[in-house]
PDB file of N, CA and C in Angstrom:
ATOM      1  N   MET A   1       0.807  -1.164   0.000  1.00  0.00           N
ATOM      2  CA  MET A   1       0.000   0.000   0.000  1.00  0.00           C
ATOM      3  C   MET A   1       0.862   1.243   0.000  1.00  0.00           C
ATOM      4  N   LYS A   2       0.342   2.127  -0.702  1.00  0.00           N
ATOM      5  CA  LYS A   2       1.070   3.380  -0.797  1.00  0.00           C
ATOM      6  C   LYS A   2       0.717   4.243   0.394  1.00  0.00           C
ATOM      7  N   ASN A   3       1.625   5.001   0.768  1.00  0.00           N
ATOM      8  CA  ASN A   3       1.355   5.982   1.814  1.00  0.00           C
ATOM      9  C   ASN A   3       0.678   7.180   1.179  1.00  0.00           C
ATOM     10  N   LEU A   4      -0.574   7.311   1.503  1.00  0.00           N
ATOM     11  CA  LEU A   4      -1.307   8.459   0.995  1.00  0.00           C
ATOM     12  C   LEU A   4      -1.185   9.600   1.994  1.00  0.00           C
ATOM     13  N   PRO A   5      -1.079  10.769   1.460  1.00  0.00           N
ATOM     14  CA  PRO A   5      -0.989  11.887   2.405  1.00  0.00           C
ATOM     15  C   PRO A   5      -2.319  12.057   3.145  1.00  0.00           C
ATOM     16  N   ASN A   6      -2.183  12.363   4.408  1.00  0.00           N
ATOM     17  CA  ASN A   6      -3.384  12.629   5.206  1.00  0.00           C
ATOM     18  C   ASN A   6      -4.003  13.940   4.756  1.00  0.00           C
ATOM     19  N   PRO A   7      -5.339  13.919   4.550  1.00  0.00           N
ATOM     20  CA  PRO A   7      -5.949  15.197   4.174  1.00  0.00           C
ATOM     21  C   PRO A   7      -5.847  16.182   5.336  1.00  0.00           C
ATOM     22  N   ALA A   8      -5.797  17.399   4.987  1.00  0.00           N
ATOM     23  CA  ALA A   8      -5.678  18.430   6.027  1.00  0.00           C
ATOM     24  C   ALA A   8      -6.959  18.453   6.863  1.00  0.00           C
ATOM     25  N   ALA A   9      -6.773  18.422   8.129  1.00  0.00           N
ATOM     26  CA  ALA A   9      -7.923  18.452   9.044  1.00  0.00           C
ATOM     27  C   ALA A   9      -8.486  19.865   9.093  1.00  0.00           C
ATOM     28  N   LYS A  10      -9.800  19.920   9.158  1.00  0.00           N
ATOM     29  CA  LYS A  10     -10.422  21.229   9.273  1.00  0.00           C
ATOM     30  C   LYS A  10     -10.103  21.786  10.654  1.00  0.00           C
ATOM     31  N   GLU A  11      -9.891  23.045  10.687  1.00  0.00           N
ATOM     32  CA  GLU A  11      -9.497  23.697  11.936  1.00  0.00           C
ATOM     33  C   GLU A  11     -10.573  23.521  12.992  1.00  0.00           C
ATOM     34  N   GLY A  12     -10.213  22.966  14.089  1.00  0.00           N
ATOM     35  CA  GLY A  12     -11.109  22.872  15.226  1.00  0.00           C
ATOM     36  C   GLY A  12     -11.903  21.600  15.298  1.00  0.00           C
ATOM     37  N   PHE A  13     -12.163  20.934  14.200  1.00  0.00           N
ATOM     38  CA  PHE A  13     -13.014  19.750  14.234  1.00  0.00           C
ATOM     39  C   PHE A  13     -12.324  18.600  14.944  1.00  0.00           C
ATOM     40  N   ILE A  14     -11.122  18.307  14.576  1.00  0.00           N
ATOM     41  CA  ILE A  14     -10.415  17.184  15.174  1.00  0.00           C
ATOM     42  C   ILE A  14      -9.868  17.560  16.540  1.00  0.00           C
ATOM     43  N   ARG A  15      -9.509  18.760  16.719  1.00  0.00           N
ATOM     44  CA  ARG A  15      -8.923  19.182  17.985  1.00  0.00           C
ATOM     45  C   ARG A  15      -9.983  19.408  19.070  1.00  0.00           C
ATOM     46  N   GLY A  16     -11.258  19.228  18.759  1.00  0.00           N
ATOM     47  CA  GLY A  16     -12.300  19.356  19.770  1.00  0.00           C
ATOM     48  C   GLY A  16     -12.806  20.772  19.966  1.00  0.00           C
ATOM     49  N   ASN A  17     -12.466  21.653  19.097  1.00  0.00           N
ATOM     50  CA  ASN A  17     -12.918  23.036  19.204  1.00  0.00           C
ATOM     51  C   ASN A  17     -13.856  23.297  18.046  1.00  0.00           C
ATOM     52  N   PRO A  18     -15.189  23.118  18.233  1.00  0.00           N
ATOM     53  CA  PRO A  18     -16.093  23.275  17.090  1.00  0.00           C
ATOM     54  C   PRO A  18     -16.055  24.695  16.554  1.00  0.00           C
ATOM     55  N   SER A  19     -16.158  24.761  15.273  1.00  0.00           N
ATOM     56  CA  SER A  19     -16.122  26.080  14.651  1.00  0.00           C
ATOM     57  C   SER A  19     -17.506  26.705  14.671  1.00  0.00           C
ATOM     58  N   GLY A  20     -17.599  27.978  14.505  1.00  0.00           N
ATOM     59  CA  GLY A  20     -18.875  28.681  14.443  1.00  0.00           C
ATOM     60  C   GLY A  20     -19.127  29.491  15.702  1.00  0.00           C
ATOM     61  N   SER A  21     -20.142  30.290  15.625  1.00  0.00           N
ATOM     62  CA  SER A  21     -20.465  31.152  16.758  1.00  0.00           C
ATOM     63  C   SER A  21     -21.167  30.370  17.857  1.00  0.00           C
ATOM     64  N   VAL A  22     -21.326  30.994  18.986  1.00  0.00           N
ATOM     65  CA  VAL A  22     -22.006  30.373  20.128  1.00  0.00           C
ATOM     66  C   VAL A  22     -23.454  30.073  19.756  1.00  0.00           C
ATOM     67  N   LEU A  23     -24.077  30.951  19.021  1.00  0.00           N
ATOM     68  CA  LEU A  23     -25.464  30.759  18.609  1.00  0.00           C
ATOM     69  C   LEU A  23     -25.605  29.512  17.747  1.00  0.00           C
ATOM     70  N   ALA A  24     -24.679  29.316  16.833  1.00  0.00           N
ATOM     71  CA  ALA A  24     -24.739  28.143  15.960  1.00  0.00           C
ATOM     72  C   ALA A  24     -24.460  26.864  16.739  1.00  0.00           C
ATOM     73  N   ARG A  25     -23.558  26.931  17.688  1.00  0.00           N
ATOM     74  CA  ARG A  25     -23.202  25.738  18.444  1.00  0.00           C
ATOM     75  C   ARG A  25     -24.329  25.300  19.376  1.00  0.00           C
ATOM     76  N   HIS A  26     -25.079  26.235  19.884  1.00  0.00           N
ATOM     77  CA  HIS A  26     -26.110  25.912  20.876  1.00  0.00           C
ATOM     78  C   HIS A  26     -27.523  26.221  20.366  1.00  0.00           C
ATOM     79  N   SER A  27     -27.713  26.186  19.070  1.00  0.00           N
ATOM     80  CA  SER A  27     -28.994  26.581  18.495  1.00  0.00           C
ATOM     81  C   SER A  27     -30.151  25.712  18.979  1.00  0.00           C
ATOM     82  N   LEU A  28     -29.955  24.418  19.090  1.00  0.00           N
ATOM     83  CA  LEU A  28     -31.035  23.546  19.552  1.00  0.00           C
ATOM     84  C   LEU A  28     -31.414  23.865  20.987  1.00  0.00           C
ATOM     85  N   ALA A  29     -30.428  24.049  21.832  1.00  0.00           N
ATOM     86  CA  ALA A  29     -30.712  24.379  23.243  1.00  0.00           C
ATOM     87  C   ALA A  29     -31.411  25.729  23.348  1.00  0.00           C
ATOM     88  N   ILE A  30     -31.014  26.686  22.534  1.00  0.00           N
ATOM     89  CA  ILE A  30     -31.639  28.007  22.554  1.00  0.00           C
ATOM     90  C   ILE A  30     -33.090  27.921  22.078  1.00  0.00           C
ATOM     91  N   LEU A  31     -33.319  27.144  21.009  1.00  0.00           N
ATOM     92  CA  LEU A  31     -34.689  26.990  20.511  1.00  0.00           C
ATOM     93  C   LEU A  31     -35.587  26.308  21.535  1.00  0.00           C
ATOM     94  N   VAL A  32     -35.117  25.247  22.148  1.00  0.00           N
ATOM     95  CA  VAL A  32     -35.913  24.532  23.148  1.00  0.00           C
ATOM     96  C   VAL A  32     -36.158  25.422  24.364  1.00  0.00           C
ATOM     97  N   GLY A  33     -35.108  26.080  24.832  1.00  0.00           N
ATOM     98  CA  GLY A  33     -35.253  26.982  25.987  1.00  0.00           C
ATOM     99  C   GLY A  33     -36.194  28.134  25.691  1.00  0.00           C
ATOM    100  N   GLY A  34     -36.063  28.714  24.504  1.00  0.00           N
ATOM    101  CA  GLY A  34     -36.961  29.808  24.115  1.00  0.00           C
ATOM    102  C   GLY A  34     -38.405  29.349  24.007  1.00  0.00           C
ATOM    103  N   GLY A  35     -38.600  28.162  23.444  1.00  0.00           N
ATOM    104  CA  GLY A  35     -39.962  27.617  23.340  1.00  0.00           C
ATOM    105  C   GLY A  35     -40.576  27.370  24.704  1.00  0.00           C
ATOM    106  N   LEU A  36     -39.791  26.784  25.607  1.00  0.00           N
ATOM    107  CA  LEU A  36     -40.296  26.552  26.971  1.00  0.00           C
ATOM    108  C   LEU A  36     -40.601  27.859  27.689  1.00  0.00           C
ATOM    109  N   LEU A  37     -39.739  28.849  27.498  1.00  0.00           N
ATOM    110  CA  LEU A  37     -39.984  30.159  28.110  1.00  0.00           C
ATOM    111  C   LEU A  37     -41.262  30.786  27.565  1.00  0.00           C
ATOM    112  N   MET A  38     -41.487  30.670  26.259  1.00  0.00           N
ATOM    113  CA  MET A  38     -42.694  31.222  25.651  1.00  0.00           C
ATOM    114  C   MET A  38     -43.936  30.512  26.184  1.00  0.00           C
ATOM    115  N   ILE A  39     -43.870  29.201  26.306  1.00  0.00           N
ATOM    116  CA  ILE A  39     -45.008  28.444  26.839  1.00  0.00           C
ATOM    117  C   ILE A  39     -45.286  28.867  28.274  1.00  0.00           C
ATOM    118  N   LEU A  40     -44.232  29.036  29.065  1.00  0.00           N
ATOM    119  CA  LEU A  40     -44.389  29.462  30.455  1.00  0.00           C
ATOM    120  C   LEU A  40     -45.053  30.837  30.546  1.00  0.00           C
ATOM    121  N   VAL A  41     -44.582  31.771  29.737  1.00  0.00           N
ATOM    122  CA  VAL A  41     -45.150  33.122  29.750  1.00  0.00           C
ATOM    123  C   VAL A  41     -46.609  33.099  29.316  1.00  0.00           C
ATOM    124  N   LEU A  42     -46.930  32.364  28.265  1.00  0.00           N
ATOM    125  CA  LEU A  42     -48.301  32.316  27.777  1.00  0.00           C
ATOM    126  C   LEU A  42     -49.248  31.665  28.785  1.00  0.00           C
ATOM    127  N   THR A  43     -48.785  30.660  29.496  1.00  0.00           N
ATOM    128  CA  THR A  43     -49.665  30.028  30.486  1.00  0.00           C
ATOM    129  C   THR A  43     -49.896  30.940  31.675  1.00  0.00           C
ATOM    130  N   GLN A  44     -48.932  31.754  32.014  1.00  0.00           N
ATOM    131  CA  GLN A  44     -49.100  32.646  33.158  1.00  0.00           C
ATOM    132  C   GLN A  44     -49.932  33.871  32.818  1.00  0.00           C
ATOM    133  N   LEU A  45     -49.996  34.227  31.560  1.00  0.00           N
ATOM    134  CA  LEU A  45     -50.790  35.385  31.160  1.00  0.00           C
ATOM    135  C   LEU A  45     -52.166  35.005  30.657  1.00  0.00           C
ATOM    136  N   GLY A  46     -52.470  33.730  30.573  1.00  0.00           N
ATOM    137  CA  GLY A  46     -53.755  33.270  30.066  1.00  0.00           C
ATOM    138  C   GLY A  46     -54.849  33.381  31.116  1.00  0.00           C
ATOM    139  N   GLU A  47     -55.987  32.776  30.819  1.00  0.00           N
ATOM    140  CA  GLU A  47     -57.145  32.885  31.701  1.00  0.00           C
ATOM    141  C   GLU A  47     -56.974  32.125  33.009  1.00  0.00           C
ATOM    142  N   ASN A  48     -56.022  31.211  33.083  1.00  0.00           N
ATOM    143  CA  ASN A  48     -55.753  30.485  34.319  1.00  0.00           C
ATOM    144  C   ASN A  48     -54.389  30.842  34.890  1.00  0.00           C
ATOM    145  N   GLY A  49     -53.801  31.926  34.443  1.00  0.00           N
ATOM    146  CA  GLY A  49     -52.462  32.306  34.869  1.00  0.00           C
ATOM    147  C   GLY A  49     -52.468  33.093  36.171  1.00  0.00           C
ATOM    148  N   ILE A  50     -51.297  33.573  36.502  1.00  0.00           N
ATOM    149  CA  ILE A  50     -51.115  34.269  37.771  1.00  0.00           C
ATOM    150  C   ILE A  50     -51.827  35.622  37.774  1.00  0.00           C
ATOM    151  N   VAL A  51     -51.901  36.282  36.627  1.00  0.00           N
ATOM    152  CA  VAL A  51     -52.607  37.570  36.550  1.00  0.00           C
ATOM    153  C   VAL A  51     -54.090  37.365  36.834  1.00  0.00           C
ATOM    154  N   ALA A  52     -54.664  36.343  36.239  1.00  0.00           N
ATOM    155  CA  ALA A  52     -56.076  36.036  36.490  1.00  0.00           C
ATOM    156  C   ALA A  52     -56.285  35.665  37.955  1.00  0.00           C
ATOM    157  N   TRP A  53     -55.326  34.963  38.530  1.00  0.00           N
ATOM    158  CA  TRP A  53     -55.433  34.579  39.937  1.00  0.00           C
ATOM    159  C   TRP A  53     -55.451  35.809  40.833  1.00  0.00           C
ATOM    160  N   PHE A  54     -54.588  36.790  40.552  1.00  0.00           N
ATOM    161  CA  PHE A  54     -54.589  38.025  41.335  1.00  0.00           C
ATOM    162  C   PHE A  54     -55.908  38.778  41.169  1.00  0.00           C
ATOM    163  N   ASN A  55     -56.428  38.822  39.953  1.00  0.00           N
ATOM    164  CA  ASN A  55     -57.715  39.493  39.729  1.00  0.00           C
ATOM    165  C   ASN A  55     -58.838  38.805  40.487  1.00  0.00           C
ATOM    166  N   LEU A  56     -58.853  37.481  40.460  1.00  0.00           N
ATOM    167  CA  LEU A  56     -59.888  36.742  41.184  1.00  0.00           C
ATOM    168  C   LEU A  56     -59.746  36.907  42.690  1.00  0.00           C
ATOM    169  N   SER A  57     -58.532  36.993  43.163  1.00  0.00           N
ATOM    170  CA  SER A  57     -58.297  37.190  44.597  1.00  0.00           C
ATOM    171  C   SER A  57     -58.819  38.560  45.034  1.00  0.00           C
ATOM    172  N   ALA A  58     -58.566  39.574  44.235  1.00  0.00           N
ATOM    173  CA  ALA A  58     -59.070  40.919  44.555  1.00  0.00           C
ATOM    174  C   ALA A  58     -60.598  40.939  44.515  1.00  0.00           C
ATOM    175  N   ARG A  59     -61.185  40.271  43.535  1.00  0.00           N
ATOM    176  CA  ARG A  59     -62.649  40.210  43.433  1.00  0.00           C
ATOM    177  C   ARG A  59     -63.245  39.468  44.621  1.00  0.00           C
ATOM    178  N   GLU A  60     -62.563  38.409  45.067  1.00  0.00           N
ATOM    179  CA  GLU A  60     -63.041  37.661  46.235  1.00  0.00           C
ATOM    180  C   GLU A  60     -63.058  38.551  47.476  1.00  0.00           C
ATOM    181  N   ASN A  61     -61.994  39.340  47.669  1.00  0.00           N
ATOM    182  CA  ASN A  61     -61.951  40.252  48.816  1.00  0.00           C
ATOM    183  C   ASN A  61     -63.062  41.288  48.742  1.00  0.00           C
ATOM    184  N   GLN A  62     -63.319  41.798  47.548  1.00  0.00           N
ATOM    185  CA  GLN A  62     -64.390  42.778  47.361  1.00  0.00           C
ATOM    186  C   GLN A  62     -65.743  42.162  47.701  1.00  0.00           C
ATOM    187  N   LEU A  63     -65.980  40.952  47.239  1.00  0.00           N
ATOM    188  CA  LEU A  63     -67.253  40.281  47.519  1.00  0.00           C
ATOM    189  C   LEU A  63     -67.404  39.951  48.999  1.00  0.00           C
ATOM    190  N   ARG A  64     -66.313  39.594  49.656  1.00  0.00           N
ATOM    191  CA  ARG A  64     -66.370  39.337  51.100  1.00  0.00           C
ATOM    192  C   ARG A  64     -66.772  40.601  51.866  1.00  0.00           C
ATOM    193  N   GLU A  65     -66.238  41.746  51.434  1.00  0.00           N
ATOM    194  CA  GLU A  65     -66.600  43.017  52.070  1.00  0.00           C
ATOM    195  C   GLU A  65     -68.081  43.321  51.838  1.00  0.00           C
ATOM    196  N   GLU A  66     -68.560  43.073  50.623  1.00  0.00           N
ATOM    197  CA  GLU A  66     -69.975  43.308  50.333  1.00  0.00           C
ATOM    198  C   GLU A  66     -70.868  42.403  51.181  1.00  0.00           C
ATOM    199  N   VAL A  67     -70.461  41.157  51.351  1.00  0.00           N
ATOM    200  CA  VAL A  67     -71.237  40.223  52.173  1.00  0.00           C
ATOM    201  C   VAL A  67     -71.273  40.711  53.618  1.00  0.00           C
ATOM    202  N   ALA A  68     -70.138  41.176  54.138  1.00  0.00           N
ATOM    203  CA  ALA A  68     -70.090  41.679  55.508  1.00  0.00           C
ATOM    204  C   ALA A  68     -71.006  42.897  55.671  1.00  0.00           C
ATOM    205  N   THR A  69     -71.003  43.785  54.672  1.00  0.00           N
ATOM    206  CA  THR A  69     -71.870  44.967  54.716  1.00  0.00           C
ATOM    207  C   THR A  69     -73.341  44.551  54.691  1.00  0.00           C
ATOM    208  N   GLN A  70     -73.682  43.596  53.830  1.00  0.00           N
ATOM    209  CA  GLN A  70     -75.065  43.128  53.753  1.00  0.00           C
ATOM    210  C   GLN A  70     -75.491  42.423  55.036  1.00  0.00           C
ATOM    211  N   ASP A  71     -74.590  41.668  55.641  1.00  0.00           N
ATOM    212  CA  ASP A  71     -74.903  41.014  56.917  1.00  0.00           C
ATOM    213  C   ASP A  71     -75.208  42.044  57.995  1.00  0.00           C
ATOM    214  N   GLN A  72     -74.406  43.106  58.039  1.00  0.00           N
ATOM    215  CA  GLN A  72     -74.642  44.164  59.025  1.00  0.00           C
ATOM    216  C   GLN A  72     -75.985  44.843  58.774  1.00  0.00           C
ATOM    217  N   GLU A  73     -76.282  45.120  57.509  1.00  0.00           N
ATOM    218  CA  GLU A  73     -77.564  45.750  57.172  1.00  0.00           C
ATOM    219  C   GLU A  73     -78.728  44.832  57.536  1.00  0.00           C
ATOM    220  N   ASN A  74     -78.582  43.534  57.283  1.00  0.00           N
ATOM    221  CA  ASN A  74     -79.634  42.577  57.646  1.00  0.00           C
ATOM    222  C   ASN A  74     -79.858  42.541  59.150  1.00  0.00           C
ATOM    223  N   GLN A  75     -78.780  42.591  59.923  1.00  0.00           N
ATOM    224  CA  GLN A  75     -78.920  42.607  61.380  1.00  0.00           C
ATOM    225  C   GLN A  75     -79.640  43.869  61.843  1.00  0.00           C
ATOM    226  N   ASP A  76     -79.291  45.009  61.249  1.00  0.00           N
ATOM    227  CA  ASP A  76     -79.964  46.265  61.610  1.00  0.00           C
ATOM    228  C   ASP A  76     -81.449  46.196  61.282  1.00  0.00           C
ATOM    229  N   LEU A  77     -81.775  45.669  60.110  1.00  0.00           N
ATOM    230  CA  LEU A  77     -83.185  45.563  59.720  1.00  0.00           C
ATOM    231  C   LEU A  77     -83.934  44.570  60.607  1.00  0.00           C
ATOM    232  N   SER A  78     -83.282  43.505  61.017  1.00  0.00           N
ATOM    233  CA  SER A  78     -83.921  42.534  61.913  1.00  0.00           C
ATOM    234  C   SER A  78     -84.218  43.169  63.262  1.00  0.00           C
ATOM    235  N   ARG A  79     -83.270  43.959  63.780  1.00  0.00           N
ATOM    236  CA  ARG A  79     -83.516  44.656  65.051  1.00  0.00           C
ATOM    237  C   ARG A  79     -84.657  45.651  64.915  1.00  0.00           C
ATOM    238  N   ARG A  80     -84.693  46.361  63.792  1.00  0.00           N
ATOM    239  CA  ARG A  80     -85.771  47.347  63.584  1.00  0.00           C
ATOM    240  C   ARG A  80     -87.119  46.637  63.476  1.00  0.00           C
ATOM    241  N   LEU A  81     -87.161  45.523  62.754  1.00  0.00           N
ATOM    242  CA  LEU A  81     -88.403  44.764  62.620  1.00  0.00           C
ATOM    243  C   LEU A  81     -88.874  44.250  63.971  1.00  0.00           C
ATOM    244  N   GLU A  82     -87.946  43.761  64.753  1.00  0.00           N
ATOM    245  CA  GLU A  82     -88.302  43.258  66.085  1.00  0.00           C
ATOM    246  C   GLU A  82     -88.837  44.385  66.962  1.00  0.00           C
ATOM    247  N   ALA A  83     -88.211  45.559  66.863  1.00  0.00           N
ATOM    248  CA  ALA A  83     -88.682  46.706  67.643  1.00  0.00           C
ATOM    249  C   ALA A  83     -90.078  47.118  67.198  1.00  0.00           C
ATOM    250  N   LEU A  84     -90.333  47.072  65.898  1.00  0.00           N
ATOM    251  CA  LEU A  84     -91.658  47.449  65.400  1.00  0.00           C
ATOM    252  C   LEU A  84     -92.716  46.442  65.836  1.00  0.00           C
ATOM    253  N   GLN A  85     -92.346  45.189  65.926  1.00  0.00           N
ATOM    254  CA  GLN A  85     -93.318  44.174  66.338  1.00  0.00           C
ATOM    255  C   GLN A  85     -93.629  44.274  67.830  1.00  0.00           C
ATOM    256  N   LYS A  86     -92.680  44.735  68.637  1.00  0.00           N
ATOM    257  CA  LYS A  86     -92.868  44.786  70.084  1.00  0.00           C
ATOM    258  C   LYS A  86     -93.365  46.129  70.588  1.00  0.00           C
ATOM    259  N   ASP A  87     -93.051  47.199  69.893  1.00  0.00           N
ATOM    260  CA  ASP A  87     -93.371  48.546  70.382  1.00  0.00           C
ATOM    261  C   ASP A  87     -94.359  49.229  69.438  1.00  0.00           C
ATOM    262  N   PRO A  88     -95.609  49.356  69.848  1.00  0.00           N
ATOM    263  CA  PRO A  88     -96.599  49.998  68.976  1.00  0.00           C
ATOM    264  C   PRO A  88     -96.303  51.477  68.731  1.00  0.00           C
ATOM    265  N   ARG A  89     -95.619  52.124  69.673  1.00  0.00           N
ATOM    266  CA  ARG A  89     -95.314  53.558  69.473  1.00  0.00           C
ATOM    267  C   ARG A  89     -94.309  53.731  68.329  1.00  0.00           C
ATOM    268  N   ALA A  90     -93.360  52.817  68.193  1.00  0.00           N
ATOM    269  CA  ALA A  90     -92.392  52.899  67.096  1.00  0.00           C
ATOM    270  C   ALA A  90     -93.097  52.706  65.759  1.00  0.00           C
ATOM    271  N   LEU A  91     -94.058  51.791  65.721  1.00  0.00           N
ATOM    272  CA  LEU A  91     -94.828  51.556  64.504  1.00  0.00           C
ATOM    273  C   LEU A  91     -95.669  52.791  64.156  1.00  0.00           C
ATOM    274  N   GLU A  92     -96.261  53.386  65.168  1.00  0.00           N
ATOM    275  CA  GLU A  92     -97.065  54.594  64.938  1.00  0.00           C
ATOM    276  C   GLU A  92     -96.198  55.737  64.436  1.00  0.00           C
ATOM    277  N   LYS A  93     -95.008  55.872  64.995  1.00  0.00           N
ATOM    278  CA  LYS A  93     -94.097  56.939  64.567  1.00  0.00           C
ATOM    279  C   LYS A  93     -93.742  56.782  63.085  1.00  0.00           C
ATOM    280  N   ILE A  94     -93.445  55.584  62.657  1.00  0.00           N
ATOM    281  CA  ILE A  94     -93.108  55.356  61.249  1.00  0.00           C
ATOM    282  C   ILE A  94     -94.321  55.616  60.365  1.00  0.00           C
ATOM    283  N   ALA A  95     -95.486  55.172  60.807  1.00  0.00           N
ATOM    284  CA  ALA A  95     -96.703  55.390  60.017  1.00  0.00           C
ATOM    285  C   ALA A  95     -96.968  56.876  59.844  1.00  0.00           C
ATOM    286  N   ARG A  96     -96.759  57.652  60.876  1.00  0.00           N
ATOM    287  CA  ARG A  96     -97.024  59.093  60.793  1.00  0.00           C
ATOM    288  C   ARG A  96     -95.960  59.814  59.964  1.00  0.00           C
ATOM    289  N   GLU A  97     -94.683  59.517  60.237  1.00  0.00           N
ATOM    290  CA  GLU A  97     -93.609  60.274  59.594  1.00  0.00           C
ATOM    291  C   GLU A  97     -93.339  59.837  58.154  1.00  0.00           C
ATOM    292  N   ASP A  98     -93.301  58.542  57.929  1.00  0.00           N
ATOM    293  CA  ASP A  98     -92.928  58.066  56.593  1.00  0.00           C
ATOM    294  C   ASP A  98     -94.117  57.928  55.652  1.00  0.00           C
ATOM    295  N   GLU A  99     -95.260  57.552  56.196  1.00  0.00           N
ATOM    296  CA  GLU A  99     -96.421  57.277  55.356  1.00  0.00           C
ATOM    297  C   GLU A  99     -97.489  58.380  55.425  1.00  0.00           C
ATOM    298  N   ASN A 100     -97.224  59.406  56.205  1.00  0.00           N
ATOM    299  CA  ASN A 100     -98.156  60.537  56.360  1.00  0.00           C
ATOM    300  C   ASN A 100     -99.557  60.072  56.777  1.00  0.00           C
ATOM    301  N   MET A 101     -99.645  59.126  57.662  1.00  0.00           N
ATOM    302  CA  MET A 101    -100.930  58.638  58.159  1.00  0.00           C
ATOM    303  C   MET A 101    -101.351  59.490  59.356  1.00  0.00           C
ATOM    304  N   ARG A 102    -102.631  59.473  59.617  1.00  0.00           N
ATOM    305  CA  ARG A 102    -103.155  60.245  60.744  1.00  0.00           C
ATOM    306  C   ARG A 102    -104.378  59.541  61.297  1.00  0.00           C
ATOM    307  N   LEU A 103    -104.719  59.919  62.492  1.00  0.00           N
ATOM    308  CA  LEU A 103    -105.957  59.428  63.086  1.00  0.00           C
ATOM    309  C   LEU A 103    -107.112  60.212  62.476  1.00  0.00           C
ATOM    310  N   PRO A 104    -108.321  59.671  62.511  1.00  0.00           N
ATOM    311  CA  PRO A 104    -109.445  60.364  61.871  1.00  0.00           C
ATOM    312  C   PRO A 104    -109.694  61.767  62.424  1.00  0.00           C
ATOM    313  N   GLU A 105    -109.441  61.996  63.694  1.00  0.00           N
ATOM    314  CA  GLU A 105    -109.725  63.315  64.273  1.00  0.00           C
ATOM    315  C   GLU A 105    -108.556  64.289  64.152  1.00  0.00           C
ATOM    316  N   GLU A 106    -107.452  63.897  63.522  1.00  0.00           N
ATOM    317  CA  GLU A 106    -106.274  64.754  63.415  1.00  0.00           C
ATOM    318  C   GLU A 106    -106.208  65.419  62.045  1.00  0.00           C
ATOM    319  N   GLU A 107    -105.515  66.564  62.048  1.00  0.00           N
ATOM    320  CA  GLU A 107    -105.196  67.233  60.790  1.00  0.00           C
ATOM    321  C   GLU A 107    -103.677  67.236  60.646  1.00  0.00           C
ATOM    322  N   VAL A 108    -103.241  67.047  59.430  1.00  0.00           N
ATOM    323  CA  VAL A 108    -101.801  67.012  59.173  1.00  0.00           C
ATOM    324  C   VAL A 108    -101.414  68.294  58.463  1.00  0.00           C
ATOM    325  N   LEU A 109    -100.409  68.960  59.020  1.00  0.00           N
ATOM    326  CA  LEU A 109     -99.876  70.169  58.402  1.00  0.00           C
ATOM    327  C   LEU A 109     -98.489  69.828  57.846  1.00  0.00           C
ATOM    328  N   MET A 110     -98.280  70.146  56.592  1.00  0.00           N
ATOM    329  CA  MET A 110     -96.980  69.893  55.986  1.00  0.00           C
ATOM    330  C   MET A 110     -96.300  71.225  55.736  1.00  0.00           C
ATOM    331  N   VAL A 111     -95.074  71.340  56.161  1.00  0.00           N
ATOM    332  CA  VAL A 111     -94.306  72.555  55.971  1.00  0.00           C
ATOM    333  C   VAL A 111     -93.406  72.348  54.766  1.00  0.00           C
ATOM    334  N   ILE A 112     -93.548  73.257  53.824  1.00  0.00           N
ATOM    335  CA  ILE A 112     -92.752  73.179  52.597  1.00  0.00           C
ATOM    336  C   ILE A 112     -91.764  74.315  52.614  1.00  0.00           C
ATOM    337  N   ASN A 113     -90.497  73.991  52.395  1.00  0.00           N
ATOM    338  CA  ASN A 113     -89.484  75.022  52.375  1.00  0.00           C
ATOM    339  C   ASN A 113     -89.628  75.839  51.090  1.00  0.00           C
ATOM    340  N   PRO A 114     -89.624  77.155  51.238  1.00  0.00           N
ATOM    341  CA  PRO A 114     -89.723  77.987  50.008  1.00  0.00           C
ATOM    342  C   PRO A 114     -88.455  77.833  49.170  1.00  0.00           C
ATOM    343  N   LYS A 115     -88.651  77.901  47.873  1.00  0.00           N
ATOM    344  CA  LYS A 115     -87.495  77.795  46.974  1.00  0.00           C
ATOM    345  C   LYS A 115     -86.684  79.075  47.049  1.00  0.00           C
ATOM    346  N   GLU A 116     -85.402  78.945  46.745  1.00  0.00           N
ATOM    347  CA  GLU A 116     -84.560  80.144  46.725  1.00  0.00           C
ATOM    348  C   GLU A 116     -84.947  80.951  45.485  1.00  0.00           C
ATOM    349  N   PRO A 117     -84.988  82.280  45.654  1.00  0.00           N
ATOM    350  CA  PRO A 117     -85.342  83.103  44.487  1.00  0.00           C
ATOM    351  C   PRO A 117     -84.269  82.986  43.394  1.00  0.00           C
ATOM    352  N   ASP A 118     -84.732  83.055  42.141  1.00  0.00           N
ATOM    353  CA  ASP A 118     -83.792  83.002  40.998  1.00  0.00           C
ATOM    354  C   ASP A 118     -82.951  84.264  41.004  1.00  0.00           C
ATOM    355  N   ARG A 119     -81.741  84.113  40.704  1.00  0.00           N
ATOM    356  CA  ARG A 119     -80.857  85.287  40.683  1.00  0.00           C
ATOM    357  C   ARG A 119     -80.466  85.664  39.292  1.00  0.00           C
TER     358      ARG A 119
END
């Protein structure tokens, strides 16, 4: 056999130093990492993401406050109803003041505030 000359080795290939830029050398890792990052961002910004969770948490707190306010109002109305059922004078006061009711022998006088004169 003849001794054939060895072909010239490409720079870096045989010596373990791959040629090309960092982007070219790691393109697959960059693409996979970028894709995973995009999926992560899209899931967090979607309807079940962290932004939606914060919005729902704020809405829950708002609704809890409304429920507490309504509970307090219901308790006040229950106390007023109980007072009206037990005290006939309280019922009479409401009938006279709010409903303008009167006894047959009474006359009701209504005072109307005069309007301010036009200037």
